[in-house]
Amino acid sequence: MDDPDAVKRLLDGNIEPSEIEGNPSLYALAERIYGREGLEGLGVFAPEIETPATPQQTGDLSPSVSLPDFQPELGILKSGEKGMAKGKTRLIPLTLGVLGILGVGFNVLFGGGSILCSIGMADMNYICNPEYGNTRLVWTEAYSWEKLHTVDAWAQPMEIGMADGVLLALFSSLALIGFFVRKKSVHTGDMLPPLS
């Protein structure tokens, strides 16, 4: 680095322009402090900086050593994606569809009221009493909290109603969409370039 006295005079503004022009590192420091336009206004121009010489290669490769021509087979590298129909599975529709099928199926086969009675949430006689056995929730009758507590909202299990069929079809189609319809990738790196 330059002598500290020259740097101190540069910071104080008491340095001669010829001293800055003759020293590349001092000029770089002054350029950062005052800016190139400010230095040119004072009559200070950039000093000639020598370009570093490119190092000469000390030796060539031995003629007995040959480098292989590396050309990757792009079709082989991404061949695993061809069987997958390109894209990821849609997890949200698949999960909602499967959970919906399980929920509606359990309601039809065993009745949702059987769970409510076993955990103590429902204490209604026409649901929890085994002599009645009305544990299947009727979706079209139980659309509010008040209606959920009426006799019409509950029926015998193993009877499939129109609403149960529609819900099973809806959740089945949602699960099929989640399983078969794949997400398209938005990244250009996931697409193969055309083979020539």
C-alpha atoms as a PDB file:
ATOM      1  CA  MET A   1       0.000   0.000   0.000  1.00  0.00           C
ATOM      2  CA  ASP A   2       1.038   3.604  -0.393  1.00  0.00           C
ATOM      3  CA  ASP A   3       2.686   5.497   2.363  1.00  0.00           C
ATOM      4  CA  PRO A   4       0.183   6.619   5.019  1.00  0.00           C
ATOM      5  CA  ASP A   5       1.167  10.260   4.545  1.00  0.00           C
ATOM      6  CA  ALA A   6      -0.016  10.250   0.892  1.00  0.00           C
ATOM      7  CA  VAL A   7      -3.324   8.642   1.898  1.00  0.00           C
ATOM      8  CA  LYS A   8      -3.772  11.201   4.698  1.00  0.00           C
ATOM      9  CA  ARG A   9      -3.090  14.081   2.282  1.00  0.00           C
ATOM     10  CA  LEU A  10      -5.530  12.525  -0.230  1.00  0.00           C
ATOM     11  CA  LEU A  11      -8.265  12.376   2.406  1.00  0.00           C
ATOM     12  CA  ASP A  12      -7.526  15.956   3.491  1.00  0.00           C
ATOM     13  CA  GLY A  13      -7.561  17.150  -0.148  1.00  0.00           C
ATOM     14  CA  ASN A  14      -3.982  18.504   0.018  1.00  0.00           C
ATOM     15  CA  ILE A  15      -2.312  16.191  -2.519  1.00  0.00           C
ATOM     16  CA  GLU A  16      -0.762  17.131  -5.849  1.00  0.00           C
ATOM     17  CA  PRO A  17      -2.527  15.804  -8.986  1.00  0.00           C
ATOM     18  CA  SER A  18       0.783  14.530 -10.395  1.00  0.00           C
ATOM     19  CA  GLU A  19       1.228  12.352  -7.323  1.00  0.00           C
ATOM     20  CA  ILE A  20      -2.187  10.725  -7.919  1.00  0.00           C
ATOM     21  CA  GLU A  21      -1.516  10.195 -11.639  1.00  0.00           C
ATOM     22  CA  GLY A  22       1.746   8.370 -10.965  1.00  0.00           C
ATOM     23  CA  ASN A  23       0.289   5.858  -8.519  1.00  0.00           C
ATOM     24  CA  PRO A  24      -2.463   3.468  -9.753  1.00  0.00           C
ATOM     25  CA  SER A  25      -3.575   2.357  -6.274  1.00  0.00           C
ATOM     26  CA  LEU A  26      -3.722   5.958  -5.026  1.00  0.00           C
ATOM     27  CA  TYR A  27      -5.722   6.904  -8.149  1.00  0.00           C
ATOM     28  CA  ALA A  28      -8.176   4.034  -7.503  1.00  0.00           C
ATOM     29  CA  LEU A  29      -8.647   5.257  -3.926  1.00  0.00           C
ATOM     30  CA  ALA A  30      -9.131   8.866  -5.084  1.00  0.00           C
ATOM     31  CA  GLU A  31     -11.594   7.712  -7.737  1.00  0.00           C
ATOM     32  CA  ARG A  32     -13.693   5.986  -5.093  1.00  0.00           C
ATOM     33  CA  ILE A  33     -13.650   9.037  -2.859  1.00  0.00           C
ATOM     34  CA  TYR A  34     -14.087  11.878  -5.380  1.00  0.00           C
ATOM     35  CA  GLY A  35     -15.419  10.087  -8.469  1.00  0.00           C
ATOM     36  CA  ARG A  36     -13.910   9.977 -11.950  1.00  0.00           C
ATOM     37  CA  GLU A  37     -15.638  13.195 -13.071  1.00  0.00           C
ATOM     38  CA  GLY A  38     -14.365  15.038 -10.015  1.00  0.00           C
ATOM     39  CA  LEU A  39     -10.788  13.933 -10.680  1.00  0.00           C
ATOM     40  CA  GLU A  40     -10.983  14.879 -14.359  1.00  0.00           C
ATOM     41  CA  GLY A  41     -12.251  18.299 -13.295  1.00  0.00           C
ATOM     42  CA  LEU A  42      -9.069  18.705 -11.251  1.00  0.00           C
ATOM     43  CA  GLY A  43      -6.976  17.662 -14.253  1.00  0.00           C
ATOM     44  CA  VAL A  44      -6.127  14.194 -12.934  1.00  0.00           C
ATOM     45  CA  PHE A  45      -6.407  11.395 -15.489  1.00  0.00           C
ATOM     46  CA  ALA A  46      -6.153   7.669 -15.014  1.00  0.00           C
ATOM     47  CA  PRO A  47      -2.615   6.297 -15.015  1.00  0.00           C
ATOM     48  CA  GLU A  48      -1.602   3.679 -17.542  1.00  0.00           C
ATOM     49  CA  ILE A  49      -2.142   0.291 -16.006  1.00  0.00           C
ATOM     50  CA  GLU A  50      -0.175  -2.547 -17.467  1.00  0.00           C
ATOM     51  CA  THR A  51      -2.225  -5.468 -18.634  1.00  0.00           C
ATOM     52  CA  PRO A  52      -1.093  -8.669 -17.017  1.00  0.00           C
ATOM     53  CA  ALA A  53       0.700 -10.946 -19.407  1.00  0.00           C
ATOM     54  CA  THR A  54      -1.040 -14.203 -20.104  1.00  0.00           C
ATOM     55  CA  PRO A  55       0.986 -17.064 -18.741  1.00  0.00           C
ATOM     56  CA  GLN A  56       2.543 -19.242 -21.383  1.00  0.00           C
ATOM     57  CA  GLN A  57       1.457 -22.828 -21.372  1.00  0.00           C
ATOM     58  CA  THR A  58       4.300 -24.815 -19.920  1.00  0.00           C
ATOM     59  CA  GLY A  59       3.592 -27.973 -21.824  1.00  0.00           C
ATOM     60  CA  ASP A  60       1.101 -29.562 -24.151  1.00  0.00           C
ATOM     61  CA  LEU A  61      -0.730 -32.734 -23.478  1.00  0.00           C
ATOM     62  CA  SER A  62       1.222 -35.790 -24.272  1.00  0.00           C
ATOM     63  CA  PRO A  63       0.240 -37.243 -27.649  1.00  0.00           C
ATOM     64  CA  SER A  64      -0.371 -40.583 -25.952  1.00  0.00           C
ATOM     65  CA  VAL A  65      -3.161 -39.056 -23.829  1.00  0.00           C
ATOM     66  CA  SER A  66      -6.456 -38.569 -25.598  1.00  0.00           C
ATOM     67  CA  LEU A  67      -9.542 -36.964 -24.168  1.00  0.00           C
ATOM     68  CA  PRO A  68     -12.872 -38.650 -24.838  1.00  0.00           C
ATOM     69  CA  ASP A  69     -15.571 -36.823 -26.749  1.00  0.00           C
ATOM     70  CA  PHE A  70     -18.326 -36.368 -24.177  1.00  0.00           C
ATOM     71  CA  GLN A  71     -21.762 -36.101 -25.676  1.00  0.00           C
ATOM     72  CA  PRO A  72     -24.491 -37.096 -23.208  1.00  0.00           C
ATOM     73  CA  GLU A  73     -27.443 -39.063 -24.438  1.00  0.00           C
ATOM     74  CA  LEU A  74     -30.336 -36.816 -23.418  1.00  0.00           C
ATOM     75  CA  GLY A  75     -32.929 -39.461 -24.193  1.00  0.00           C
ATOM     76  CA  ILE A  76     -31.289 -41.873 -21.775  1.00  0.00           C
ATOM     77  CA  LEU A  77     -30.878 -39.290 -19.010  1.00  0.00           C
ATOM     78  CA  LYS A  78     -34.569 -38.432 -18.834  1.00  0.00           C
ATOM     79  CA  SER A  79     -36.045 -41.735 -19.945  1.00  0.00           C
ATOM     80  CA  GLY A  80     -37.617 -42.293 -16.514  1.00  0.00           C
ATOM     81  CA  GLU A  81     -40.041 -39.431 -17.114  1.00  0.00           C
ATOM     82  CA  LYS A  82     -41.514 -40.967 -20.270  1.00  0.00           C
ATOM     83  CA  GLY A  83     -43.336 -43.651 -18.302  1.00  0.00           C
ATOM     84  CA  MET A  84     -44.745 -41.075 -15.859  1.00  0.00           C
ATOM     85  CA  ALA A  85     -46.585 -38.966 -18.453  1.00  0.00           C
ATOM     86  CA  LYS A  86     -44.543 -35.887 -17.512  1.00  0.00           C
ATOM     87  CA  GLY A  87     -45.644 -34.002 -14.445  1.00  0.00           C
ATOM     88  CA  LYS A  88     -46.457 -34.482 -10.810  1.00  0.00           C
ATOM     89  CA  THR A  89     -49.557 -35.948  -9.244  1.00  0.00           C
ATOM     90  CA  ARG A  90     -52.114 -33.423  -8.042  1.00  0.00           C
ATOM     91  CA  LEU A  91     -52.098 -34.239  -4.334  1.00  0.00           C
ATOM     92  CA  ILE A  92     -54.893 -31.965  -3.100  1.00  0.00           C
ATOM     93  CA  PRO A  93     -57.659 -33.320  -5.386  1.00  0.00           C
ATOM     94  CA  LEU A  94     -56.402 -36.868  -4.854  1.00  0.00           C
ATOM     95  CA  THR A  95     -56.418 -36.492  -1.057  1.00  0.00           C
ATOM     96  CA  LEU A  96     -59.817 -34.781  -0.972  1.00  0.00           C
ATOM     97  CA  GLY A  97     -61.272 -37.412  -3.291  1.00  0.00           C
ATOM     98  CA  VAL A  98     -59.986 -40.374  -1.286  1.00  0.00           C
ATOM     99  CA  LEU A  99     -61.033 -38.858   2.058  1.00  0.00           C
ATOM    100  CA  GLY A 100     -64.474 -38.019   0.644  1.00  0.00           C
ATOM    101  CA  ILE A 101     -64.961 -41.563  -0.666  1.00  0.00           C
ATOM    102  CA  LEU A 102     -63.939 -42.978   2.713  1.00  0.00           C
ATOM    103  CA  GLY A 103     -66.255 -40.607   4.590  1.00  0.00           C
ATOM    104  CA  VAL A 104     -69.320 -41.197   2.407  1.00  0.00           C
ATOM    105  CA  GLY A 105     -68.585 -44.940   2.255  1.00  0.00           C
ATOM    106  CA  PHE A 106     -68.339 -45.163   6.052  1.00  0.00           C
ATOM    107  CA  ASN A 107     -71.582 -43.197   6.409  1.00  0.00           C
ATOM    108  CA  VAL A 108     -73.395 -45.568   4.028  1.00  0.00           C
ATOM    109  CA  LEU A 109     -71.986 -48.802   5.486  1.00  0.00           C
ATOM    110  CA  PHE A 110     -71.858 -48.094   9.228  1.00  0.00           C
ATOM    111  CA  GLY A 111     -73.350 -44.640   9.725  1.00  0.00           C
ATOM    112  CA  GLY A 112     -71.677 -41.463  10.916  1.00  0.00           C
ATOM    113  CA  GLY A 113     -73.857 -41.485  14.026  1.00  0.00           C
ATOM    114  CA  SER A 114     -72.063 -44.574  15.336  1.00  0.00           C
ATOM    115  CA  ILE A 115     -68.882 -42.519  15.724  1.00  0.00           C
ATOM    116  CA  LEU A 116     -70.771 -39.636  17.343  1.00  0.00           C
ATOM    117  CA  CYS A 117     -72.345 -42.027  19.854  1.00  0.00           C
ATOM    118  CA  SER A 118     -69.090 -43.849  20.636  1.00  0.00           C
ATOM    119  CA  ILE A 119     -67.217 -40.632  21.505  1.00  0.00           C
ATOM    120  CA  GLY A 120     -70.154 -39.174  23.422  1.00  0.00           C
ATOM    121  CA  MET A 121     -70.961 -36.229  21.146  1.00  0.00           C
ATOM    122  CA  ALA A 122     -74.459 -37.454  20.364  1.00  0.00           C
ATOM    123  CA  ASP A 123     -76.876 -38.481  23.079  1.00  0.00           C
ATOM    124  CA  MET A 124     -79.996 -38.579  20.946  1.00  0.00           C
ATOM    125  CA  ASN A 125     -82.155 -41.625  21.535  1.00  0.00           C
ATOM    126  CA  TYR A 126     -83.031 -42.267  17.891  1.00  0.00           C
ATOM    127  CA  ILE A 127     -79.320 -42.360  16.934  1.00  0.00           C
ATOM    128  CA  CYS A 128     -77.559 -44.071  19.833  1.00  0.00           C
ATOM    129  CA  ASN A 129     -80.246 -46.546  20.881  1.00  0.00           C
ATOM    130  CA  PRO A 130     -79.481 -49.909  19.199  1.00  0.00           C
ATOM    131  CA  GLU A 131     -83.206 -50.624  18.883  1.00  0.00           C
ATOM    132  CA  TYR A 132     -83.585 -47.756  16.371  1.00  0.00           C
ATOM    133  CA  GLY A 133     -80.171 -47.972  14.673  1.00  0.00           C
ATOM    134  CA  ASN A 134     -80.610 -44.798  12.622  1.00  0.00           C
ATOM    135  CA  THR A 135     -76.939 -43.928  12.343  1.00  0.00           C
ATOM    136  CA  ARG A 136     -76.612 -42.973   8.658  1.00  0.00           C
ATOM    137  CA  LEU A 137     -76.645 -39.217   8.053  1.00  0.00           C
ATOM    138  CA  VAL A 138     -79.032 -38.074   5.318  1.00  0.00           C
ATOM    139  CA  TRP A 139     -77.111 -35.276   3.603  1.00  0.00           C
ATOM    140  CA  THR A 140     -80.155 -33.526   2.139  1.00  0.00           C
ATOM    141  CA  GLU A 141     -81.919 -33.284   5.505  1.00  0.00           C
ATOM    142  CA  ALA A 142     -78.986 -32.344   7.767  1.00  0.00           C
ATOM    143  CA  TYR A 143     -77.833 -29.101   6.202  1.00  0.00           C
ATOM    144  CA  SER A 144     -77.967 -27.018   9.428  1.00  0.00           C
ATOM    145  CA  TRP A 145     -77.218 -27.542  13.114  1.00  0.00           C
ATOM    146  CA  GLU A 146     -80.919 -27.535  14.027  1.00  0.00           C
ATOM    147  CA  LYS A 147     -81.806 -29.993  11.249  1.00  0.00           C
ATOM    148  CA  LEU A 148     -78.974 -32.275  12.369  1.00  0.00           C
ATOM    149  CA  HIS A 149     -80.861 -32.835  15.630  1.00  0.00           C
ATOM    150  CA  THR A 150     -84.110 -33.979  13.986  1.00  0.00           C
ATOM    151  CA  VAL A 151     -85.295 -37.528  13.322  1.00  0.00           C
ATOM    152  CA  ASP A 152     -85.495 -36.907   9.551  1.00  0.00           C
ATOM    153  CA  ALA A 153     -81.724 -36.316   9.310  1.00  0.00           C
ATOM    154  CA  TRP A 154     -80.903 -39.912  10.268  1.00  0.00           C
ATOM    155  CA  ALA A 155     -81.700 -43.205   8.528  1.00  0.00           C
ATOM    156  CA  GLN A 156     -80.735 -46.875   8.573  1.00  0.00           C
ATOM    157  CA  PRO A 157     -77.223 -47.701   7.311  1.00  0.00           C
ATOM    158  CA  MET A 158     -76.718 -49.800   4.156  1.00  0.00           C
ATOM    159  CA  GLU A 159     -79.331 -47.777   2.264  1.00  0.00           C
ATOM    160  CA  ILE A 160     -77.774 -45.598  -0.390  1.00  0.00           C
ATOM    161  CA  GLY A 161     -79.652 -42.411  -1.156  1.00  0.00           C
ATOM    162  CA  MET A 162     -79.494 -40.085  -4.132  1.00  0.00           C
ATOM    163  CA  ALA A 163     -77.216 -37.618  -2.304  1.00  0.00           C
ATOM    164  CA  ASP A 164     -74.847 -40.432  -1.303  1.00  0.00           C
ATOM    165  CA  GLY A 165     -74.562 -41.550  -4.930  1.00  0.00           C
ATOM    166  CA  VAL A 166     -73.895 -38.008  -6.135  1.00  0.00           C
ATOM    167  CA  LEU A 167     -71.252 -37.456  -3.440  1.00  0.00           C
ATOM    168  CA  LEU A 168     -69.575 -40.787  -4.222  1.00  0.00           C
ATOM    169  CA  ALA A 169     -69.471 -39.882  -7.938  1.00  0.00           C
ATOM    170  CA  LEU A 170     -68.116 -36.410  -7.156  1.00  0.00           C
ATOM    171  CA  PHE A 171     -65.376 -37.661  -4.829  1.00  0.00           C
ATOM    172  CA  SER A 172     -64.493 -40.514  -7.208  1.00  0.00           C
ATOM    173  CA  SER A 173     -64.055 -38.102 -10.106  1.00  0.00           C
ATOM    174  CA  LEU A 174     -61.977 -35.809  -7.878  1.00  0.00           C
ATOM    175  CA  ALA A 175     -59.715 -38.737  -6.914  1.00  0.00           C
ATOM    176  CA  LEU A 176     -59.387 -39.804 -10.563  1.00  0.00           C
ATOM    177  CA  ILE A 177     -58.488 -36.255 -11.600  1.00  0.00           C
ATOM    178  CA  GLY A 178     -55.889 -36.112  -8.836  1.00  0.00           C
ATOM    179  CA  PHE A 179     -54.390 -39.433  -9.898  1.00  0.00           C
ATOM    180  CA  PHE A 180     -54.447 -39.245 -13.694  1.00  0.00           C
ATOM    181  CA  VAL A 181     -54.294 -35.526 -14.591  1.00  0.00           C
ATOM    182  CA  ARG A 182     -50.711 -34.414 -14.076  1.00  0.00           C
ATOM    183  CA  LYS A 183     -49.384 -30.942 -13.312  1.00  0.00           C
ATOM    184  CA  LYS A 184     -47.432 -29.476 -16.193  1.00  0.00           C
ATOM    185  CA  SER A 185     -43.985 -28.187 -15.309  1.00  0.00           C
ATOM    186  CA  VAL A 186     -43.426 -24.468 -15.760  1.00  0.00           C
ATOM    187  CA  HIS A 187     -39.635 -24.738 -15.704  1.00  0.00           C
ATOM    188  CA  THR A 188     -37.910 -24.719 -19.074  1.00  0.00           C
ATOM    189  CA  GLY A 189     -35.119 -26.907 -17.716  1.00  0.00           C
ATOM    190  CA  ASP A 190     -37.542 -29.815 -17.354  1.00  0.00           C
ATOM    191  CA  MET A 191     -38.156 -29.968 -21.089  1.00  0.00           C
ATOM    192  CA  LEU A 192     -35.805 -31.784 -23.390  1.00  0.00           C
ATOM    193  CA  PRO A 193     -34.300 -29.914 -26.316  1.00  0.00           C
ATOM    194  CA  PRO A 194     -35.184 -31.321 -29.730  1.00  0.00           C
ATOM    195  CA  LEU A 195     -32.808 -34.070 -30.777  1.00  0.00           C
ATOM    196  CA  SER A 196     -31.102 -33.349 -34.056  1.00  0.00           C
END
